[in-house]
Amino acid sequence: MRCAIYARYSSDLQRAESIEDQVRVCLARAEREGWPVVKIFSDPAISGSTLIRPGIQALMQAMRAGSIDVVLTESLDRISRDKEPIAA
């Protein structure tokens, strides 16, 4: 099960270490599950109110290409603040 990790924080007023913290949580989960992490995607200081973010776009492209099987993120609101894109 090839795993990708996605991490994001919203604004330049937050800590850049937030990405590292999120990735650390996800890496621990992937290890527990036995999933090799093939790629880490991130969007520092970009709001979750839009999907026009380079990291999430690259993640979606990798998903469409079939190069990953599962995506880990610290919480669903890292993907989007809107439930519709999360469901899609």
PDB file of N, CA and C in Angstrom:
ATOM      1  N   MET A   1       0.853  -1.168   0.000  1.00  0.00           N
ATOM      2  CA  MET A   1       0.000   0.000   0.000  1.00  0.00           C
ATOM      3  C   MET A   1       0.900   1.232   0.000  1.00  0.00           C
ATOM      4  N   ARG A   2       1.046   1.872  -1.145  1.00  0.00           N
ATOM      5  CA  ARG A   2       1.904   3.057  -1.275  1.00  0.00           C
ATOM      6  C   ARG A   2       1.189   4.266  -0.680  1.00  0.00           C
ATOM      7  N   CYS A   3       1.868   4.940   0.206  1.00  0.00           N
ATOM      8  CA  CYS A   3       1.260   6.010   1.002  1.00  0.00           C
ATOM      9  C   CYS A   3       1.869   7.370   0.665  1.00  0.00           C
ATOM     10  N   ALA A   4       1.010   8.368   0.615  1.00  0.00           N
ATOM     11  CA  ALA A   4       1.441   9.762   0.509  1.00  0.00           C
ATOM     12  C   ALA A   4       0.967  10.491   1.758  1.00  0.00           C
ATOM     13  N   ILE A   5       1.711  11.489   2.147  1.00  0.00           N
ATOM     14  CA  ILE A   5       1.349  12.330   3.292  1.00  0.00           C
ATOM     15  C   ILE A   5       1.088  13.734   2.767  1.00  0.00           C
ATOM     16  N   TYR A   6       0.049  14.360   3.316  1.00  0.00           N
ATOM     17  CA  TYR A   6      -0.237  15.757   2.978  1.00  0.00           C
ATOM     18  C   TYR A   6      -0.315  16.570   4.257  1.00  0.00           C
ATOM     19  N   ALA A   7       0.362  17.711   4.267  1.00  0.00           N
ATOM     20  CA  ALA A   7       0.358  18.606   5.426  1.00  0.00           C
ATOM     21  C   ALA A   7       0.213  20.048   4.943  1.00  0.00           C
ATOM     22  N   ARG A   8      -0.451  20.853   5.787  1.00  0.00           N
ATOM     23  CA  ARG A   8      -0.685  22.251   5.425  1.00  0.00           C
ATOM     24  C   ARG A   8      -0.896  23.063   6.689  1.00  0.00           C
ATOM     25  N   TYR A   9      -0.471  24.314   6.636  1.00  0.00           N
ATOM     26  CA  TYR A   9      -0.924  25.272   7.638  1.00  0.00           C
ATOM     27  C   TYR A   9      -1.391  26.517   6.906  1.00  0.00           C
ATOM     28  N   SER A  10      -2.239  27.310   7.558  1.00  0.00           N
ATOM     29  CA  SER A  10      -3.026  28.325   6.863  1.00  0.00           C
ATOM     30  C   SER A  10      -2.340  29.641   6.567  1.00  0.00           C
ATOM     31  N   SER A  11      -1.558  30.147   7.475  1.00  0.00           N
ATOM     32  CA  SER A  11      -1.059  31.504   7.253  1.00  0.00           C
ATOM     33  C   SER A  11       0.380  31.652   7.724  1.00  0.00           C
ATOM     34  N   ASP A  12       1.000  32.717   7.275  1.00  0.00           N
ATOM     35  CA  ASP A  12       2.376  32.974   7.678  1.00  0.00           C
ATOM     36  C   ASP A  12       2.475  33.390   9.138  1.00  0.00           C
ATOM     37  N   LEU A  13       1.335  33.501   9.828  1.00  0.00           N
ATOM     38  CA  LEU A  13       1.344  33.809  11.256  1.00  0.00           C
ATOM     39  C   LEU A  13       1.493  32.540  12.097  1.00  0.00           C
ATOM     40  N   GLN A  14       1.393  31.381  11.452  1.00  0.00           N
ATOM     41  CA  GLN A  14       1.548  30.113  12.157  1.00  0.00           C
ATOM     42  C   GLN A  14       2.989  29.637  12.043  1.00  0.00           C
ATOM     43  N   ARG A  15       3.303  28.639  12.835  1.00  0.00           N
ATOM     44  CA  ARG A  15       4.667  28.112  12.866  1.00  0.00           C
ATOM     45  C   ARG A  15       4.951  27.222  11.662  1.00  0.00           C
ATOM     46  N   ALA A  16       6.069  27.434  11.010  1.00  0.00           N
ATOM     47  CA  ALA A  16       6.481  26.577   9.897  1.00  0.00           C
ATOM     48  C   ALA A  16       6.702  25.144  10.369  1.00  0.00           C
ATOM     49  N   GLU A  17       7.031  24.977  11.648  1.00  0.00           N
ATOM     50  CA  GLU A  17       7.242  23.644  12.209  1.00  0.00           C
ATOM     51  C   GLU A  17       5.958  22.821  12.220  1.00  0.00           C
ATOM     52  N   SER A  18       4.823  23.487  12.023  1.00  0.00           N
ATOM     53  CA  SER A  18       3.550  22.783  11.995  1.00  0.00           C
ATOM     54  C   SER A  18       3.550  21.683  10.941  1.00  0.00           C
ATOM     55  N   ILE A  19       4.140  21.946   9.789  1.00  0.00           N
ATOM     56  CA  ILE A  19       4.231  20.935   8.724  1.00  0.00           C
ATOM     57  C   ILE A  19       5.023  19.734   9.241  1.00  0.00           C
ATOM     58  N   GLU A  20       6.156  19.996   9.863  1.00  0.00           N
ATOM     59  CA  GLU A  20       6.989  18.915  10.397  1.00  0.00           C
ATOM     60  C   GLU A  20       6.231  18.108  11.438  1.00  0.00           C
ATOM     61  N   ASP A  21       5.478  18.785  12.311  1.00  0.00           N
ATOM     62  CA  ASP A  21       4.699  18.092  13.330  1.00  0.00           C
ATOM     63  C   ASP A  21       3.649  17.193  12.696  1.00  0.00           C
ATOM     64  N   GLN A  22       2.946  17.707  11.685  1.00  0.00           N
ATOM     65  CA  GLN A  22       1.921  16.916  11.007  1.00  0.00           C
ATOM     66  C   GLN A  22       2.534  15.703  10.315  1.00  0.00           C
ATOM     67  N   VAL A  23       3.653  15.920   9.649  1.00  0.00           N
ATOM     68  CA  VAL A  23       4.327  14.822   8.945  1.00  0.00           C
ATOM     69  C   VAL A  23       4.780  13.763   9.946  1.00  0.00           C
ATOM     70  N   ARG A  24       5.295  14.177  11.080  1.00  0.00           N
ATOM     71  CA  ARG A  24       5.752  13.234  12.102  1.00  0.00           C
ATOM     72  C   ARG A  24       4.605  12.330  12.560  1.00  0.00           C
ATOM     73  N   VAL A  25       3.434  12.914  12.802  1.00  0.00           N
ATOM     74  CA  VAL A  25       2.256  12.131  13.209  1.00  0.00           C
ATOM     75  C   VAL A  25       1.894  11.124  12.117  1.00  0.00           C
ATOM     76  N   CYS A  26       1.902  11.574  10.874  1.00  0.00           N
ATOM     77  CA  CYS A  26       1.537  10.706   9.750  1.00  0.00           C
ATOM     78  C   CYS A  26       2.566   9.604   9.516  1.00  0.00           C
ATOM     79  N   LEU A  27       3.842   9.928   9.659  1.00  0.00           N
ATOM     80  CA  LEU A  27       4.881   8.915   9.494  1.00  0.00           C
ATOM     81  C   LEU A  27       4.731   7.809  10.539  1.00  0.00           C
ATOM     82  N   ALA A  28       4.396   8.190  11.760  1.00  0.00           N
ATOM     83  CA  ALA A  28       4.196   7.197  12.820  1.00  0.00           C
ATOM     84  C   ALA A  28       3.030   6.272  12.470  1.00  0.00           C
ATOM     85  N   ARG A  29       1.958   6.838  11.953  1.00  0.00           N
ATOM     86  CA  ARG A  29       0.805   6.020  11.559  1.00  0.00           C
ATOM     87  C   ARG A  29       1.162   5.090  10.407  1.00  0.00           C
ATOM     88  N   ALA A  30       1.854   5.613   9.405  1.00  0.00           N
ATOM     89  CA  ALA A  30       2.248   4.791   8.261  1.00  0.00           C
ATOM     90  C   ALA A  30       3.130   3.631   8.723  1.00  0.00           C
ATOM     91  N   GLU A  31       4.032   3.899   9.645  1.00  0.00           N
ATOM     92  CA  GLU A  31       4.892   2.841  10.166  1.00  0.00           C
ATOM     93  C   GLU A  31       4.071   1.770  10.883  1.00  0.00           C
ATOM     94  N   ARG A  32       3.115   2.203  11.713  1.00  0.00           N
ATOM     95  CA  ARG A  32       2.261   1.239  12.418  1.00  0.00           C
ATOM     96  C   ARG A  32       1.474   0.360  11.445  1.00  0.00           C
ATOM     97  N   GLU A  33       1.047   0.955  10.335  1.00  0.00           N
ATOM     98  CA  GLU A  33       0.244   0.225   9.353  1.00  0.00           C
ATOM     99  C   GLU A  33       1.100  -0.589   8.385  1.00  0.00           C
ATOM    100  N   GLY A  34       2.400  -0.308   8.356  1.00  0.00           N
ATOM    101  CA  GLY A  34       3.281  -0.993   7.418  1.00  0.00           C
ATOM    102  C   GLY A  34       3.193  -0.445   6.000  1.00  0.00           C
ATOM    103  N   TRP A  35       2.801   0.826   5.879  1.00  0.00           N
ATOM    104  CA  TRP A  35       2.655   1.470   4.573  1.00  0.00           C
ATOM    105  C   TRP A  35       3.931   2.241   4.235  1.00  0.00           C
ATOM    106  N   PRO A  36       4.587   1.930   3.134  1.00  0.00           N
ATOM    107  CA  PRO A  36       5.745   2.732   2.740  1.00  0.00           C
ATOM    108  C   PRO A  36       5.302   4.117   2.245  1.00  0.00           C
ATOM    109  N   VAL A  37       5.934   5.151   2.765  1.00  0.00           N
ATOM    110  CA  VAL A  37       5.623   6.519   2.341  1.00  0.00           C
ATOM    111  C   VAL A  37       6.457   6.821   1.102  1.00  0.00           C
ATOM    112  N   VAL A  38       5.761   7.063  -0.006  1.00  0.00           N
ATOM    113  CA  VAL A  38       6.452   7.300  -1.271  1.00  0.00           C
ATOM    114  C   VAL A  38       6.602   8.783  -1.598  1.00  0.00           C
ATOM    115  N   LYS A  39       5.790   9.619  -0.951  1.00  0.00           N
ATOM    116  CA  LYS A  39       5.861  11.060  -1.255  1.00  0.00           C
ATOM    117  C   LYS A  39       5.200  11.847  -0.130  1.00  0.00           C
ATOM    118  N   ILE A  40       5.763  13.012   0.160  1.00  0.00           N
ATOM    119  CA  ILE A  40       5.178  13.950   1.111  1.00  0.00           C
ATOM    120  C   ILE A  40       4.863  15.233   0.360  1.00  0.00           C
ATOM    121  N   PHE A  41       3.609  15.659   0.455  1.00  0.00           N
ATOM    122  CA  PHE A  41       3.147  16.885  -0.190  1.00  0.00           C
ATOM    123  C   PHE A  41       2.814  17.890   0.906  1.00  0.00           C
ATOM    124  N   SER A  42       3.048  19.167   0.643  1.00  0.00           N
ATOM    125  CA  SER A  42       2.702  20.174   1.648  1.00  0.00           C
ATOM    126  C   SER A  42       2.391  21.510   0.988  1.00  0.00           C
ATOM    127  N   ASP A  43       1.651  22.299   1.729  1.00  0.00           N
ATOM    128  CA  ASP A  43       1.325  23.668   1.324  1.00  0.00           C
ATOM    129  C   ASP A  43       1.481  24.571   2.537  1.00  0.00           C
ATOM    130  N   PRO A  44       2.656  25.168   2.720  1.00  0.00           N
ATOM    131  CA  PRO A  44       2.848  26.071   3.850  1.00  0.00           C
ATOM    132  C   PRO A  44       2.202  27.436   3.602  1.00  0.00           C
ATOM    133  N   ALA A  45       1.540  27.933   4.618  1.00  0.00           N
ATOM    134  CA  ALA A  45       0.964  29.286   4.625  1.00  0.00           C
ATOM    135  C   ALA A  45      -0.042  29.514   3.496  1.00  0.00           C
ATOM    136  N   ILE A  46      -0.867  28.487   3.230  1.00  0.00           N
ATOM    137  CA  ILE A  46      -1.920  28.625   2.222  1.00  0.00           C
ATOM    138  C   ILE A  46      -3.237  28.148   2.830  1.00  0.00           C
ATOM    139  N   SER A  47      -4.269  28.942   2.686  1.00  0.00           N
ATOM    140  CA  SER A  47      -5.574  28.640   3.253  1.00  0.00           C
ATOM    141  C   SER A  47      -6.154  27.346   2.694  1.00  0.00           C
ATOM    142  N   GLY A  48      -6.912  26.668   3.530  1.00  0.00           N
ATOM    143  CA  GLY A  48      -7.610  25.463   3.105  1.00  0.00           C
ATOM    144  C   GLY A  48      -8.936  25.762   2.446  1.00  0.00           C
ATOM    145  N   SER A  49      -9.236  27.020   2.205  1.00  0.00           N
ATOM    146  CA  SER A  49     -10.520  27.386   1.603  1.00  0.00           C
ATOM    147  C   SER A  49     -10.523  27.205   0.089  1.00  0.00           C
ATOM    148  N   THR A  50      -9.359  26.889  -0.475  1.00  0.00           N
ATOM    149  CA  THR A  50      -9.257  26.684  -1.922  1.00  0.00           C
ATOM    150  C   THR A  50      -8.424  25.439  -2.212  1.00  0.00           C
ATOM    151  N   LEU A  51      -8.687  24.814  -3.337  1.00  0.00           N
ATOM    152  CA  LEU A  51      -7.853  23.697  -3.771  1.00  0.00           C
ATOM    153  C   LEU A  51      -6.782  24.158  -4.759  1.00  0.00           C
ATOM    154  N   ILE A  52      -6.710  25.468  -4.983  1.00  0.00           N
ATOM    155  CA  ILE A  52      -5.679  26.017  -5.850  1.00  0.00           C
ATOM    156  C   ILE A  52      -4.414  26.206  -5.007  1.00  0.00           C
ATOM    157  N   ARG A  53      -3.791  25.072  -4.708  1.00  0.00           N
ATOM    158  CA  ARG A  53      -2.558  25.021  -3.930  1.00  0.00           C
ATOM    159  C   ARG A  53      -1.626  24.048  -4.630  1.00  0.00           C
ATOM    160  N   PRO A  54      -0.366  24.378  -4.777  1.00  0.00           N
ATOM    161  CA  PRO A  54       0.533  23.494  -5.524  1.00  0.00           C
ATOM    162  C   PRO A  54       0.646  22.094  -4.932  1.00  0.00           C
ATOM    163  N   GLY A  55       0.722  21.994  -3.619  1.00  0.00           N
ATOM    164  CA  GLY A  55       0.885  20.682  -2.991  1.00  0.00           C
ATOM    165  C   GLY A  55      -0.320  19.782  -3.181  1.00  0.00           C
ATOM    166  N   ILE A  56      -1.517  20.320  -2.951  1.00  0.00           N
ATOM    167  CA  ILE A  56      -2.726  19.499  -3.102  1.00  0.00           C
ATOM    168  C   ILE A  56      -2.951  19.146  -4.560  1.00  0.00           C
ATOM    169  N   GLN A  57      -2.609  20.054  -5.475  1.00  0.00           N
ATOM    170  CA  GLN A  57      -2.736  19.752  -6.900  1.00  0.00           C
ATOM    171  C   GLN A  57      -1.790  18.614  -7.294  1.00  0.00           C
ATOM    172  N   ALA A  58      -0.562  18.643  -6.800  1.00  0.00           N
ATOM    173  CA  ALA A  58       0.394  17.576  -7.089  1.00  0.00           C
ATOM    174  C   ALA A  58      -0.077  16.251  -6.484  1.00  0.00           C
ATOM    175  N   LEU A  59      -0.651  16.313  -5.290  1.00  0.00           N
ATOM    176  CA  LEU A  59      -1.202  15.112  -4.660  1.00  0.00           C
ATOM    177  C   LEU A  59      -2.319  14.525  -5.517  1.00  0.00           C
ATOM    178  N   MET A  60      -3.234  15.351  -5.953  1.00  0.00           N
ATOM    179  CA  MET A  60      -4.352  14.864  -6.773  1.00  0.00           C
ATOM    180  C   MET A  60      -3.844  14.293  -8.094  1.00  0.00           C
ATOM    181  N   GLN A  61      -2.816  14.894  -8.670  1.00  0.00           N
ATOM    182  CA  GLN A  61      -2.243  14.373  -9.909  1.00  0.00           C
ATOM    183  C   GLN A  61      -1.642  12.984  -9.663  1.00  0.00           C
ATOM    184  N   ALA A  62      -0.939  12.817  -8.551  1.00  0.00           N
ATOM    185  CA  ALA A  62      -0.357  11.512  -8.211  1.00  0.00           C
ATOM    186  C   ALA A  62      -1.448  10.468  -7.994  1.00  0.00           C
ATOM    187  N   MET A  63      -2.546  10.895  -7.381  1.00  0.00           N
ATOM    188  CA  MET A  63      -3.664   9.974  -7.175  1.00  0.00           C
ATOM    189  C   MET A  63      -4.246   9.540  -8.512  1.00  0.00           C
ATOM    190  N   ARG A  64      -4.470  10.498  -9.413  1.00  0.00           N
ATOM    191  CA  ARG A  64      -5.012  10.171 -10.737  1.00  0.00           C
ATOM    192  C   ARG A  64      -4.071   9.267 -11.526  1.00  0.00           C
ATOM    193  N   ALA A  65      -2.779   9.445 -11.346  1.00  0.00           N
ATOM    194  CA  ALA A  65      -1.783   8.639 -12.050  1.00  0.00           C
ATOM    195  C   ALA A  65      -1.674   7.227 -11.463  1.00  0.00           C
ATOM    196  N   GLY A  66      -2.262   7.028 -10.288  1.00  0.00           N
ATOM    197  CA  GLY A  66      -2.218   5.715  -9.658  1.00  0.00           C
ATOM    198  C   GLY A  66      -0.913   5.408  -8.956  1.00  0.00           C
ATOM    199  N   SER A  67      -0.131   6.427  -8.645  1.00  0.00           N
ATOM    200  CA  SER A  67       1.165   6.188  -8.011  1.00  0.00           C
ATOM    201  C   SER A  67       1.096   6.104  -6.490  1.00  0.00           C
ATOM    202  N   ILE A  68      -0.090   6.379  -5.926  1.00  0.00           N
ATOM    203  CA  ILE A  68      -0.289   6.212  -4.482  1.00  0.00           C
ATOM    204  C   ILE A  68      -1.621   5.513  -4.244  1.00  0.00           C
ATOM    205  N   ASP A  69      -1.688   4.809  -3.132  1.00  0.00           N
ATOM    206  CA  ASP A  69      -2.894   4.053  -2.791  1.00  0.00           C
ATOM    207  C   ASP A  69      -3.674   4.658  -1.634  1.00  0.00           C
ATOM    208  N   VAL A  70      -2.965   5.338  -0.750  1.00  0.00           N
ATOM    209  CA  VAL A  70      -3.604   5.895   0.440  1.00  0.00           C
ATOM    210  C   VAL A  70      -2.947   7.234   0.772  1.00  0.00           C
ATOM    211  N   VAL A  71      -3.753   8.155   1.281  1.00  0.00           N
ATOM    212  CA  VAL A  71      -3.255   9.472   1.697  1.00  0.00           C
ATOM    213  C   VAL A  71      -3.463   9.613   3.195  1.00  0.00           C
ATOM    214  N   LEU A  72      -2.418  10.005   3.874  1.00  0.00           N
ATOM    215  CA  LEU A  72      -2.505  10.304   5.302  1.00  0.00           C
ATOM    216  C   LEU A  72      -2.368  11.798   5.513  1.00  0.00           C
ATOM    217  N   THR A  73      -3.189  12.324   6.396  1.00  0.00           N
ATOM    218  CA  THR A  73      -3.092  13.707   6.824  1.00  0.00           C
ATOM    219  C   THR A  73      -3.477  13.762   8.291  1.00  0.00           C
ATOM    220  N   GLU A  74      -2.972  14.742   9.004  1.00  0.00           N
ATOM    221  CA  GLU A  74      -3.238  14.816  10.442  1.00  0.00           C
ATOM    222  C   GLU A  74      -4.736  14.938  10.721  1.00  0.00           C
ATOM    223  N   SER A  75      -5.440  15.706   9.902  1.00  0.00           N
ATOM    224  CA  SER A  75      -6.886  15.833  10.031  1.00  0.00           C
ATOM    225  C   SER A  75      -7.471  16.237   8.683  1.00  0.00           C
ATOM    226  N   LEU A  76      -8.746  15.976   8.500  1.00  0.00           N
ATOM    227  CA  LEU A  76      -9.381  16.253   7.209  1.00  0.00           C
ATOM    228  C   LEU A  76      -9.344  17.723   6.828  1.00  0.00           C
ATOM    229  N   ASP A  77      -9.333  18.625   7.805  1.00  0.00           N
ATOM    230  CA  ASP A  77      -9.309  20.048   7.447  1.00  0.00           C
ATOM    231  C   ASP A  77      -7.962  20.490   6.873  1.00  0.00           C
ATOM    232  N   ARG A  78      -6.969  19.617   6.899  1.00  0.00           N
ATOM    233  CA  ARG A  78      -5.712  19.920   6.210  1.00  0.00           C
ATOM    234  C   ARG A  78      -5.932  19.821   4.698  1.00  0.00           C
ATOM    235  N   ILE A  79      -6.822  18.930   4.263  1.00  0.00           N
ATOM    236  CA  ILE A  79      -7.146  18.795   2.841  1.00  0.00           C
ATOM    237  C   ILE A  79      -7.963  20.003   2.386  1.00  0.00           C
ATOM    238  N   SER A  80      -9.037  20.288   3.124  1.00  0.00           N
ATOM    239  CA  SER A  80      -9.913  21.400   2.753  1.00  0.00           C
ATOM    240  C   SER A  80     -10.781  21.788   3.931  1.00  0.00           C
ATOM    241  N   ARG A  81     -11.179  23.038   3.971  1.00  0.00           N
ATOM    242  CA  ARG A  81     -12.135  23.512   4.969  1.00  0.00           C
ATOM    243  C   ARG A  81     -13.568  23.201   4.528  1.00  0.00           C
ATOM    244  N   ASP A  82     -13.743  22.880   3.261  1.00  0.00           N
ATOM    245  CA  ASP A  82     -15.054  22.598   2.677  1.00  0.00           C
ATOM    246  C   ASP A  82     -15.215  21.076   2.557  1.00  0.00           C
ATOM    247  N   LYS A  83     -16.318  20.557   3.028  1.00  0.00           N
ATOM    248  CA  LYS A  83     -16.519  19.114   3.037  1.00  0.00           C
ATOM    249  C   LYS A  83     -16.684  18.499   1.650  1.00  0.00           C
ATOM    250  N   GLU A  84     -17.156  19.253   0.683  1.00  0.00           N
ATOM    251  CA  GLU A  84     -17.367  18.722  -0.668  1.00  0.00           C
ATOM    252  C   GLU A  84     -16.056  18.245  -1.319  1.00  0.00           C
ATOM    253  N   PRO A  85     -14.971  19.041  -1.310  1.00  0.00           N
ATOM    254  CA  PRO A  85     -13.718  18.545  -1.886  1.00  0.00           C
ATOM    255  C   PRO A  85     -13.160  17.344  -1.118  1.00  0.00           C
ATOM    256  N   ILE A  86     -13.389  17.293   0.179  1.00  0.00           N
ATOM    257  CA  ILE A  86     -12.912  16.147   0.969  1.00  0.00           C
ATOM    258  C   ILE A  86     -13.617  14.884   0.495  1.00  0.00           C
ATOM    259  N   ALA A  87     -14.921  14.963   0.307  1.00  0.00           N
ATOM    260  CA  ALA A  87     -15.693  13.806  -0.137  1.00  0.00           C
ATOM    261  C   ALA A  87     -15.266  13.350  -1.524  1.00  0.00           C
ATOM    262  N   ALA A  88     -14.967  14.303  -2.388  1.00  0.00           N
ATOM    263  CA  ALA A  88     -14.556  13.955  -3.751  1.00  0.00           C
ATOM    264  C   ALA A  88     -13.217  13.253  -3.728  1.00  0.00           C
TER     265      ALA A  88
END
